[in-house]
Amino acid sequence: MIPVSVVIVTKNEEKNISDALESVKDFEDIVIVDSFSKDKTLEICKKYTDRVYQHEWQGYAKQKQIATDYAEKSWVLILDADERVTPELKEEILMHIKQQDCSGFYIPRKNFFLGKWIKHSGWWPDYTLRLFRKDVSYVEPREVHEKIFVNGVVGYLKNPFEHYTYRTISDYIKKMETYSTLSAKEILSKNPQISSLSLSLKMLSNPFFTFVKMFLIKQGVRDGMYGFILAVLYSFYTFLKYVKIWEMKRAQNSEFKVK
């Protein structure tokens, strides 16, 4: 058994969670923090662990910090429901926690889009800090794309997670709606005085540069049609988050005028 706490936050993940848990069943501690799923997520989770807790959704960062707080082991691995830990990654994790050479580790991810491993487009190796010592780390509070802060030396592992993201275009569009709203809130909170002119310029330029960066600079063209579709989708996501900032500021101004 691997002496690491695996923590996973869930909400209606019956399609993904079984494979995720199967990939970590030989870890000593598995913690699930669920946001009152209405499908079979809890039923599936309880087949693998009795450490299942329910909390109202408080945002990605807060939810993952709650799950981390439940961890019993000194080392924690944060895993998403659509990710899998490979046997090679397990061996590497075990080796490094025995050596105690770092306090945290970035892990690469093999991202699958519509069933295909995307090797370019800025999607590989896609390092993300997920393995860390609990006593010197915390989840940085953010609206979206939460980050782990580690007070100590951080290293890089070679073997990747497998990340089965966006199995359909509809999957992407659903998540885009959520993430664009959260990104807009975060940008606006950091720059509440952003002008309409600045927003207009970003709406015009940033989607174009996003496409160029993903498809040409990051060589998404080598991913073929998948790379082209991803670049277009991310361009629209970029446009959408700035439109939502404009919408939020418009709502704020209307509320202020009414008062």
C-alpha atoms as a PDB file:
ATOM      1  CA  MET A   1       0.000   0.000   0.000  1.00  0.00           C
ATOM      2  CA  ILE A   2       1.176   3.514  -0.820  1.00  0.00           C
ATOM      3  CA  PRO A   3       1.310   5.761   2.309  1.00  0.00           C
ATOM      4  CA  VAL A   4      -0.375   8.769   0.688  1.00  0.00           C
ATOM      5  CA  SER A   5      -3.822  10.343   1.140  1.00  0.00           C
ATOM      6  CA  VAL A   6      -5.661  10.682  -2.157  1.00  0.00           C
ATOM      7  CA  VAL A   7      -8.292  13.427  -1.994  1.00  0.00           C
ATOM      8  CA  ILE A   8     -11.067  13.838  -4.569  1.00  0.00           C
ATOM      9  CA  VAL A   9     -13.950  16.324  -4.697  1.00  0.00           C
ATOM     10  CA  THR A  10     -17.081  15.173  -6.497  1.00  0.00           C
ATOM     11  CA  LYS A  11     -20.500  16.202  -7.692  1.00  0.00           C
ATOM     12  CA  ASN A  12     -22.480  13.933 -10.013  1.00  0.00           C
ATOM     13  CA  GLU A  13     -19.399  12.055 -11.240  1.00  0.00           C
ATOM     14  CA  GLU A  14     -20.852   8.561 -11.684  1.00  0.00           C
ATOM     15  CA  LYS A  15     -19.416   8.342 -15.223  1.00  0.00           C
ATOM     16  CA  ASN A  16     -15.855   9.020 -14.081  1.00  0.00           C
ATOM     17  CA  ILE A  17     -15.337   8.202 -10.429  1.00  0.00           C
ATOM     18  CA  SER A  18     -15.151   4.408 -10.612  1.00  0.00           C
ATOM     19  CA  ASP A  19     -12.122   4.414 -12.935  1.00  0.00           C
ATOM     20  CA  ALA A  20     -10.440   7.126 -10.854  1.00  0.00           C
ATOM     21  CA  LEU A  21     -10.884   5.154  -7.624  1.00  0.00           C
ATOM     22  CA  GLU A  22      -9.840   1.894  -9.237  1.00  0.00           C
ATOM     23  CA  SER A  23      -6.555   3.564 -10.210  1.00  0.00           C
ATOM     24  CA  VAL A  24      -5.785   4.539  -6.570  1.00  0.00           C
ATOM     25  CA  LYS A  25      -7.236   1.606  -4.628  1.00  0.00           C
ATOM     26  CA  ASP A  26      -3.767   0.663  -3.389  1.00  0.00           C
ATOM     27  CA  PHE A  27      -3.249   4.016  -1.642  1.00  0.00           C
ATOM     28  CA  GLU A  28      -3.618   3.806   2.153  1.00  0.00           C
ATOM     29  CA  ASP A  29      -6.085   6.684   2.546  1.00  0.00           C
ATOM     30  CA  ILE A  30      -8.798   7.819   0.114  1.00  0.00           C
ATOM     31  CA  VAL A  31     -10.871  10.893   0.996  1.00  0.00           C
ATOM     32  CA  ILE A  32     -13.979  11.961  -0.915  1.00  0.00           C
ATOM     33  CA  VAL A  33     -15.666  15.323  -0.366  1.00  0.00           C
ATOM     34  CA  ASP A  34     -18.956  15.291  -2.238  1.00  0.00           C
ATOM     35  CA  SER A  35     -21.277  18.215  -2.938  1.00  0.00           C
ATOM     36  CA  PHE A  36     -24.530  16.288  -2.505  1.00  0.00           C
ATOM     37  CA  SER A  37     -24.477  14.328  -5.750  1.00  0.00           C
ATOM     38  CA  LYS A  38     -27.848  13.238  -7.089  1.00  0.00           C
ATOM     39  CA  ASP A  39     -26.554  10.302  -9.132  1.00  0.00           C
ATOM     40  CA  LYS A  40     -24.716   7.136  -8.024  1.00  0.00           C
ATOM     41  CA  THR A  41     -21.449   8.875  -7.124  1.00  0.00           C
ATOM     42  CA  LEU A  42     -21.722   8.218  -3.380  1.00  0.00           C
ATOM     43  CA  GLU A  43     -22.747   4.612  -3.892  1.00  0.00           C
ATOM     44  CA  ILE A  44     -19.675   4.001  -6.050  1.00  0.00           C
ATOM     45  CA  CYS A  45     -17.302   5.863  -3.701  1.00  0.00           C
ATOM     46  CA  LYS A  46     -18.390   3.833  -0.677  1.00  0.00           C
ATOM     47  CA  LYS A  47     -17.252   0.654  -2.433  1.00  0.00           C
ATOM     48  CA  TYR A  48     -13.685   1.960  -2.227  1.00  0.00           C
ATOM     49  CA  THR A  49     -13.559   3.984   1.003  1.00  0.00           C
ATOM     50  CA  ASP A  50     -15.573   4.808   4.107  1.00  0.00           C
ATOM     51  CA  ARG A  51     -13.972   8.253   4.216  1.00  0.00           C
ATOM     52  CA  VAL A  52     -16.768   9.983   2.336  1.00  0.00           C
ATOM     53  CA  TYR A  53     -17.929  13.422   3.497  1.00  0.00           C
ATOM     54  CA  GLN A  54     -20.525  15.837   2.187  1.00  0.00           C
ATOM     55  CA  HIS A  55     -20.177  19.620   2.071  1.00  0.00           C
ATOM     56  CA  GLU A  56     -22.060  22.275   0.184  1.00  0.00           C
ATOM     57  CA  TRP A  57     -20.079  23.547  -2.803  1.00  0.00           C
ATOM     58  CA  GLN A  58     -17.820  26.463  -1.803  1.00  0.00           C
ATOM     59  CA  GLY A  59     -15.671  26.742  -4.915  1.00  0.00           C
ATOM     60  CA  TYR A  60     -12.886  24.591  -6.314  1.00  0.00           C
ATOM     61  CA  ALA A  61     -10.091  25.863  -4.069  1.00  0.00           C
ATOM     62  CA  LYS A  62     -12.092  25.810  -0.838  1.00  0.00           C
ATOM     63  CA  GLN A  63     -13.546  22.387  -1.584  1.00  0.00           C
ATOM     64  CA  LYS A  64     -10.117  20.887  -2.226  1.00  0.00           C
ATOM     65  CA  GLN A  65      -8.730  22.474   0.926  1.00  0.00           C
ATOM     66  CA  ILE A  66     -11.556  20.889   2.927  1.00  0.00           C
ATOM     67  CA  ALA A  67     -10.701  17.515   1.396  1.00  0.00           C
ATOM     68  CA  THR A  68      -7.001  18.044   2.154  1.00  0.00           C
ATOM     69  CA  ASP A  69      -7.812  18.873   5.776  1.00  0.00           C
ATOM     70  CA  TYR A  70      -9.405  15.427   6.134  1.00  0.00           C
ATOM     71  CA  ALA A  71      -6.227  13.677   4.924  1.00  0.00           C
ATOM     72  CA  GLU A  72      -4.606  11.428   7.527  1.00  0.00           C
ATOM     73  CA  LYS A  73      -1.249  10.910   5.831  1.00  0.00           C
ATOM     74  CA  SER A  74       1.612  13.379   5.743  1.00  0.00           C
ATOM     75  CA  TRP A  75       1.644  13.243   1.922  1.00  0.00           C
ATOM     76  CA  VAL A  76      -1.432  14.247  -0.110  1.00  0.00           C
ATOM     77  CA  LEU A  77      -2.289  13.630  -3.752  1.00  0.00           C
ATOM     78  CA  ILE A  78      -5.139  15.677  -5.206  1.00  0.00           C
ATOM     79  CA  LEU A  79      -6.951  13.802  -7.966  1.00  0.00           C
ATOM     80  CA  ASP A  80      -9.872  14.901 -10.150  1.00  0.00           C
ATOM     81  CA  ALA A  81     -12.639  12.439 -10.948  1.00  0.00           C
ATOM     82  CA  ASP A  82     -11.681  12.374 -14.632  1.00  0.00           C
ATOM     83  CA  GLU A  83      -8.012  11.597 -13.924  1.00  0.00           C
ATOM     84  CA  ARG A  84      -6.234   8.246 -13.540  1.00  0.00           C
ATOM     85  CA  VAL A  85      -2.995   7.307 -11.758  1.00  0.00           C
ATOM     86  CA  THR A  86      -0.892   4.907 -13.810  1.00  0.00           C
ATOM     87  CA  PRO A  87       1.233   2.079 -12.315  1.00  0.00           C
ATOM     88  CA  GLU A  88       4.384   3.900 -13.454  1.00  0.00           C
ATOM     89  CA  LEU A  89       3.324   7.082 -11.654  1.00  0.00           C
ATOM     90  CA  LYS A  90       2.607   5.112  -8.472  1.00  0.00           C
ATOM     91  CA  GLU A  91       6.125   3.666  -8.485  1.00  0.00           C
ATOM     92  CA  GLU A  92       7.635   7.108  -8.954  1.00  0.00           C
ATOM     93  CA  ILE A  93       5.510   8.614  -6.168  1.00  0.00           C
ATOM     94  CA  LEU A  94       6.523   5.850  -3.776  1.00  0.00           C
ATOM     95  CA  MET A  95      10.207   6.312  -4.618  1.00  0.00           C
ATOM     96  CA  HIS A  96      10.186  10.063  -4.001  1.00  0.00           C
ATOM     97  CA  ILE A  97       8.209  10.094  -0.760  1.00  0.00           C
ATOM     98  CA  LYS A  98      10.677   7.540   0.618  1.00  0.00           C
ATOM     99  CA  GLN A  99      13.604   9.738  -0.411  1.00  0.00           C
ATOM    100  CA  GLN A 100      11.958  12.877   1.073  1.00  0.00           C
ATOM    101  CA  ASP A 101      13.928  14.944  -1.448  1.00  0.00           C
ATOM    102  CA  CYS A 102      11.193  17.547  -1.989  1.00  0.00           C
ATOM    103  CA  SER A 103       8.111  18.928  -0.233  1.00  0.00           C
ATOM    104  CA  GLY A 104       5.944  18.895  -3.332  1.00  0.00           C
ATOM    105  CA  PHE A 105       5.910  17.682  -6.924  1.00  0.00           C
ATOM    106  CA  TYR A 106       4.525  18.802 -10.255  1.00  0.00           C
ATOM    107  CA  ILE A 107       3.015  15.920 -12.215  1.00  0.00           C
ATOM    108  CA  PRO A 108       2.558  15.992 -16.013  1.00  0.00           C
ATOM    109  CA  ARG A 109      -0.852  15.160 -17.488  1.00  0.00           C
ATOM    110  CA  LYS A 110      -1.738  13.314 -20.672  1.00  0.00           C
ATOM    111  CA  ASN A 111      -4.875  15.193 -21.698  1.00  0.00           C
ATOM    112  CA  PHE A 112      -7.388  13.375 -23.871  1.00  0.00           C
ATOM    113  CA  PHE A 113      -9.834  15.406 -25.995  1.00  0.00           C
ATOM    114  CA  LEU A 114     -12.638  13.528 -27.767  1.00  0.00           C
ATOM    115  CA  GLY A 115     -10.707  10.350 -26.962  1.00  0.00           C
ATOM    116  CA  LYS A 116      -7.403  11.504 -28.506  1.00  0.00           C
ATOM    117  CA  TRP A 117      -4.217  12.292 -26.593  1.00  0.00           C
ATOM    118  CA  ILE A 118      -3.359  15.899 -27.431  1.00  0.00           C
ATOM    119  CA  LYS A 119       0.424  16.095 -27.727  1.00  0.00           C
ATOM    120  CA  HIS A 120       0.679  19.778 -28.679  1.00  0.00           C
ATOM    121  CA  SER A 121      -1.564  22.884 -28.396  1.00  0.00           C
ATOM    122  CA  GLY A 122       0.007  23.699 -25.003  1.00  0.00           C
ATOM    123  CA  TRP A 123      -1.628  20.576 -23.552  1.00  0.00           C
ATOM    124  CA  TRP A 124       1.496  18.509 -23.029  1.00  0.00           C
ATOM    125  CA  PRO A 125       3.202  18.026 -20.619  1.00  0.00           C
ATOM    126  CA  ASP A 126       0.748  20.291 -18.716  1.00  0.00           C
ATOM    127  CA  TYR A 127       2.534  20.128 -15.352  1.00  0.00           C
ATOM    128  CA  THR A 128       0.308  20.600 -12.309  1.00  0.00           C
ATOM    129  CA  LEU A 129       1.334  20.557  -8.647  1.00  0.00           C
ATOM    130  CA  ARG A 130      -0.703  17.786  -7.023  1.00  0.00           C
ATOM    131  CA  LEU A 131       1.572  15.810  -4.679  1.00  0.00           C
ATOM    132  CA  PHE A 132       2.680  17.610  -1.522  1.00  0.00           C
ATOM    133  CA  ARG A 133       3.412  17.387   2.168  1.00  0.00           C
ATOM    134  CA  LYS A 134       0.325  18.451   4.078  1.00  0.00           C
ATOM    135  CA  ASP A 135       2.186  20.237   6.872  1.00  0.00           C
ATOM    136  CA  VAL A 136       3.861  22.789   4.585  1.00  0.00           C
ATOM    137  CA  SER A 137       1.197  23.289   1.903  1.00  0.00           C
ATOM    138  CA  TYR A 138      -2.226  24.778   1.274  1.00  0.00           C
ATOM    139  CA  VAL A 139      -4.628  25.362  -1.599  1.00  0.00           C
ATOM    140  CA  GLU A 140      -4.401  28.981  -2.711  1.00  0.00           C
ATOM    141  CA  PRO A 141      -7.880  30.569  -2.660  1.00  0.00           C
ATOM    142  CA  ARG A 142      -8.927  31.399  -6.230  1.00  0.00           C
ATOM    143  CA  GLU A 143     -12.153  31.403  -8.195  1.00  0.00           C
ATOM    144  CA  VAL A 144     -10.876  28.928 -10.793  1.00  0.00           C
ATOM    145  CA  HIS A 145      -7.735  26.939 -11.695  1.00  0.00           C
ATOM    146  CA  GLU A 146      -6.784  26.502  -8.056  1.00  0.00           C
ATOM    147  CA  LYS A 147      -3.089  26.233  -7.167  1.00  0.00           C
ATOM    148  CA  ILE A 148      -1.150  24.520  -4.404  1.00  0.00           C
ATOM    149  CA  PHE A 149       1.323  26.643  -2.450  1.00  0.00           C
ATOM    150  CA  VAL A 150       4.235  24.667  -0.992  1.00  0.00           C
ATOM    151  CA  ASN A 151       6.654  26.167   1.505  1.00  0.00           C
ATOM    152  CA  GLY A 152       9.684  24.154   0.482  1.00  0.00           C
ATOM    153  CA  VAL A 153      11.554  22.597  -2.436  1.00  0.00           C
ATOM    154  CA  VAL A 154       9.327  21.519  -5.331  1.00  0.00           C
ATOM    155  CA  GLY A 155      10.314  18.910  -7.915  1.00  0.00           C
ATOM    156  CA  TYR A 156       8.958  17.403 -11.125  1.00  0.00           C
ATOM    157  CA  LEU A 157       7.856  13.826 -11.733  1.00  0.00           C
ATOM    158  CA  LYS A 158       8.331  12.153 -15.112  1.00  0.00           C
ATOM    159  CA  ASN A 159       5.328   9.837 -15.302  1.00  0.00           C
ATOM    160  CA  PRO A 160       1.957  11.453 -16.038  1.00  0.00           C
ATOM    161  CA  PHE A 161      -1.630  11.314 -14.912  1.00  0.00           C
ATOM    162  CA  GLU A 162      -4.100  10.331 -17.594  1.00  0.00           C
ATOM    163  CA  HIS A 163      -6.749  13.047 -17.872  1.00  0.00           C
ATOM    164  CA  TYR A 164      -9.936  12.170 -19.756  1.00  0.00           C
ATOM    165  CA  THR A 165     -11.294  15.653 -20.231  1.00  0.00           C
ATOM    166  CA  TYR A 166     -14.042  16.735 -22.658  1.00  0.00           C
ATOM    167  CA  ARG A 167     -15.274  13.443 -24.072  1.00  0.00           C
ATOM    168  CA  THR A 168     -17.691  15.419 -26.278  1.00  0.00           C
ATOM    169  CA  ILE A 169     -17.998  18.977 -27.563  1.00  0.00           C
ATOM    170  CA  SER A 170     -21.030  19.346 -25.301  1.00  0.00           C
ATOM    171  CA  ASP A 171     -18.813  18.520 -22.305  1.00  0.00           C
ATOM    172  CA  TYR A 172     -16.524  21.393 -23.215  1.00  0.00           C
ATOM    173  CA  ILE A 173     -19.370  23.850 -23.721  1.00  0.00           C
ATOM    174  CA  LYS A 174     -20.919  22.977 -20.336  1.00  0.00           C
ATOM    175  CA  LYS A 175     -17.628  23.492 -18.515  1.00  0.00           C
ATOM    176  CA  MET A 176     -16.845  26.601 -20.541  1.00  0.00           C
ATOM    177  CA  GLU A 177     -19.996  28.237 -19.186  1.00  0.00           C
ATOM    178  CA  THR A 178     -18.875  27.618 -15.607  1.00  0.00           C
ATOM    179  CA  TYR A 179     -15.184  28.406 -16.031  1.00  0.00           C
ATOM    180  CA  SER A 180     -15.739  31.581 -18.054  1.00  0.00           C
ATOM    181  CA  THR A 181     -17.981  32.965 -15.306  1.00  0.00           C
ATOM    182  CA  LEU A 182     -15.453  32.124 -12.584  1.00  0.00           C
ATOM    183  CA  SER A 183     -12.564  33.558 -14.618  1.00  0.00           C
ATOM    184  CA  ALA A 184     -14.530  36.744 -15.237  1.00  0.00           C
ATOM    185  CA  LYS A 185     -15.194  37.138 -11.507  1.00  0.00           C
ATOM    186  CA  GLU A 186     -11.533  36.626 -10.672  1.00  0.00           C
ATOM    187  CA  ILE A 187     -10.290  39.097 -13.290  1.00  0.00           C
ATOM    188  CA  LEU A 188     -12.836  41.698 -12.203  1.00  0.00           C
ATOM    189  CA  SER A 189     -11.986  41.254  -8.507  1.00  0.00           C
ATOM    190  CA  LYS A 190      -8.320  41.946  -9.273  1.00  0.00           C
ATOM    191  CA  ASN A 191      -9.054  44.862 -11.600  1.00  0.00           C
ATOM    192  CA  PRO A 192     -12.430  46.383 -10.629  1.00  0.00           C
ATOM    193  CA  GLN A 193     -11.677  49.644 -12.460  1.00  0.00           C
ATOM    194  CA  ILE A 194     -11.105  48.015 -15.847  1.00  0.00           C
ATOM    195  CA  SER A 195     -12.449  50.350 -18.527  1.00  0.00           C
ATOM    196  CA  SER A 196     -14.912  49.641 -21.300  1.00  0.00           C
ATOM    197  CA  LEU A 197     -12.237  50.560 -23.838  1.00  0.00           C
ATOM    198  CA  SER A 198      -9.810  48.050 -22.343  1.00  0.00           C
ATOM    199  CA  LEU A 199     -12.498  45.346 -22.352  1.00  0.00           C
ATOM    200  CA  SER A 200     -13.344  46.100 -25.988  1.00  0.00           C
ATOM    201  CA  LEU A 201      -9.705  45.794 -27.012  1.00  0.00           C
ATOM    202  CA  LYS A 202      -9.350  42.505 -25.116  1.00  0.00           C
ATOM    203  CA  MET A 203     -12.532  41.143 -26.738  1.00  0.00           C
ATOM    204  CA  LEU A 204     -11.058  41.928 -30.153  1.00  0.00           C
ATOM    205  CA  SER A 205      -7.436  40.906 -29.663  1.00  0.00           C
ATOM    206  CA  ASN A 206      -7.218  38.188 -26.997  1.00  0.00           C
ATOM    207  CA  PRO A 207      -9.350  35.545 -28.777  1.00  0.00           C
ATOM    208  CA  PHE A 208      -7.243  35.999 -31.925  1.00  0.00           C
ATOM    209  CA  PHE A 209      -3.960  35.687 -30.004  1.00  0.00           C
ATOM    210  CA  THR A 210      -5.304  32.660 -28.121  1.00  0.00           C
ATOM    211  CA  PHE A 211      -5.963  30.911 -31.434  1.00  0.00           C
ATOM    212  CA  VAL A 212      -2.555  31.847 -32.847  1.00  0.00           C
ATOM    213  CA  LYS A 213      -0.787  30.733 -29.660  1.00  0.00           C
ATOM    214  CA  MET A 214      -2.507  27.336 -29.460  1.00  0.00           C
ATOM    215  CA  PHE A 215      -2.675  26.439 -33.145  1.00  0.00           C
ATOM    216  CA  LEU A 216       0.602  27.903 -34.427  1.00  0.00           C
ATOM    217  CA  ILE A 217       3.020  28.779 -31.619  1.00  0.00           C
ATOM    218  CA  LYS A 218       2.124  25.725 -29.483  1.00  0.00           C
ATOM    219  CA  GLN A 219       1.900  23.634 -32.690  1.00  0.00           C
ATOM    220  CA  GLY A 220      -1.745  22.622 -32.345  1.00  0.00           C
ATOM    221  CA  VAL A 221      -1.651  22.256 -36.115  1.00  0.00           C
ATOM    222  CA  ARG A 222       0.230  18.994 -35.500  1.00  0.00           C
ATOM    223  CA  ASP A 223      -2.816  17.683 -33.617  1.00  0.00           C
ATOM    224  CA  GLY A 224      -4.797  18.033 -36.844  1.00  0.00           C
ATOM    225  CA  MET A 225      -8.535  18.656 -36.670  1.00  0.00           C
ATOM    226  CA  TYR A 226      -8.460  18.137 -32.879  1.00  0.00           C
ATOM    227  CA  GLY A 227      -5.933  20.948 -32.516  1.00  0.00           C
ATOM    228  CA  PHE A 228      -7.961  23.244 -34.760  1.00  0.00           C
ATOM    229  CA  ILE A 229     -11.188  22.589 -32.824  1.00  0.00           C
ATOM    230  CA  LEU A 230      -9.425  23.168 -29.493  1.00  0.00           C
ATOM    231  CA  ALA A 231      -7.929  26.452 -30.669  1.00  0.00           C
ATOM    232  CA  VAL A 232     -11.335  27.685 -31.854  1.00  0.00           C
ATOM    233  CA  LEU A 233     -13.051  26.621 -28.624  1.00  0.00           C
ATOM    234  CA  TYR A 234     -10.426  28.281 -26.422  1.00  0.00           C
ATOM    235  CA  SER A 235     -10.645  31.440 -28.511  1.00  0.00           C
ATOM    236  CA  PHE A 236     -14.375  31.574 -27.900  1.00  0.00           C
ATOM    237  CA  TYR A 237     -13.835  30.887 -24.191  1.00  0.00           C
ATOM    238  CA  THR A 238     -11.432  33.852 -24.069  1.00  0.00           C
ATOM    239  CA  PHE A 239     -13.988  36.090 -25.796  1.00  0.00           C
ATOM    240  CA  LEU A 240     -16.761  34.866 -23.501  1.00  0.00           C
ATOM    241  CA  LYS A 241     -14.988  35.655 -20.227  1.00  0.00           C
ATOM    242  CA  TYR A 242     -14.384  39.280 -21.291  1.00  0.00           C
ATOM    243  CA  VAL A 243     -17.984  39.636 -22.447  1.00  0.00           C
ATOM    244  CA  LYS A 244     -19.060  38.394 -19.020  1.00  0.00           C
ATOM    245  CA  ILE A 245     -16.829  40.983 -17.326  1.00  0.00           C
ATOM    246  CA  TRP A 246     -18.540  43.643 -19.420  1.00  0.00           C
ATOM    247  CA  GLU A 247     -21.923  42.201 -18.409  1.00  0.00           C
ATOM    248  CA  MET A 248     -20.961  42.151 -14.719  1.00  0.00           C
ATOM    249  CA  LYS A 249     -19.761  45.755 -14.792  1.00  0.00           C
ATOM    250  CA  ARG A 250     -22.940  46.785 -16.588  1.00  0.00           C
ATOM    251  CA  ALA A 251     -25.023  45.105 -13.863  1.00  0.00           C
ATOM    252  CA  GLN A 252     -22.957  46.803 -11.145  1.00  0.00           C
ATOM    253  CA  ASN A 253     -23.424  50.226 -12.740  1.00  0.00           C
ATOM    254  CA  SER A 254     -27.173  49.678 -13.092  1.00  0.00           C
ATOM    255  CA  GLU A 255     -27.418  48.664  -9.435  1.00  0.00           C
ATOM    256  CA  PHE A 256     -25.441  51.730  -8.398  1.00  0.00           C
ATOM    257  CA  LYS A 257     -27.710  54.036 -10.414  1.00  0.00           C
ATOM    258  CA  VAL A 258     -30.843  52.501  -8.847  1.00  0.00           C
ATOM    259  CA  LYS A 259     -29.432  53.075  -5.346  1.00  0.00           C
END
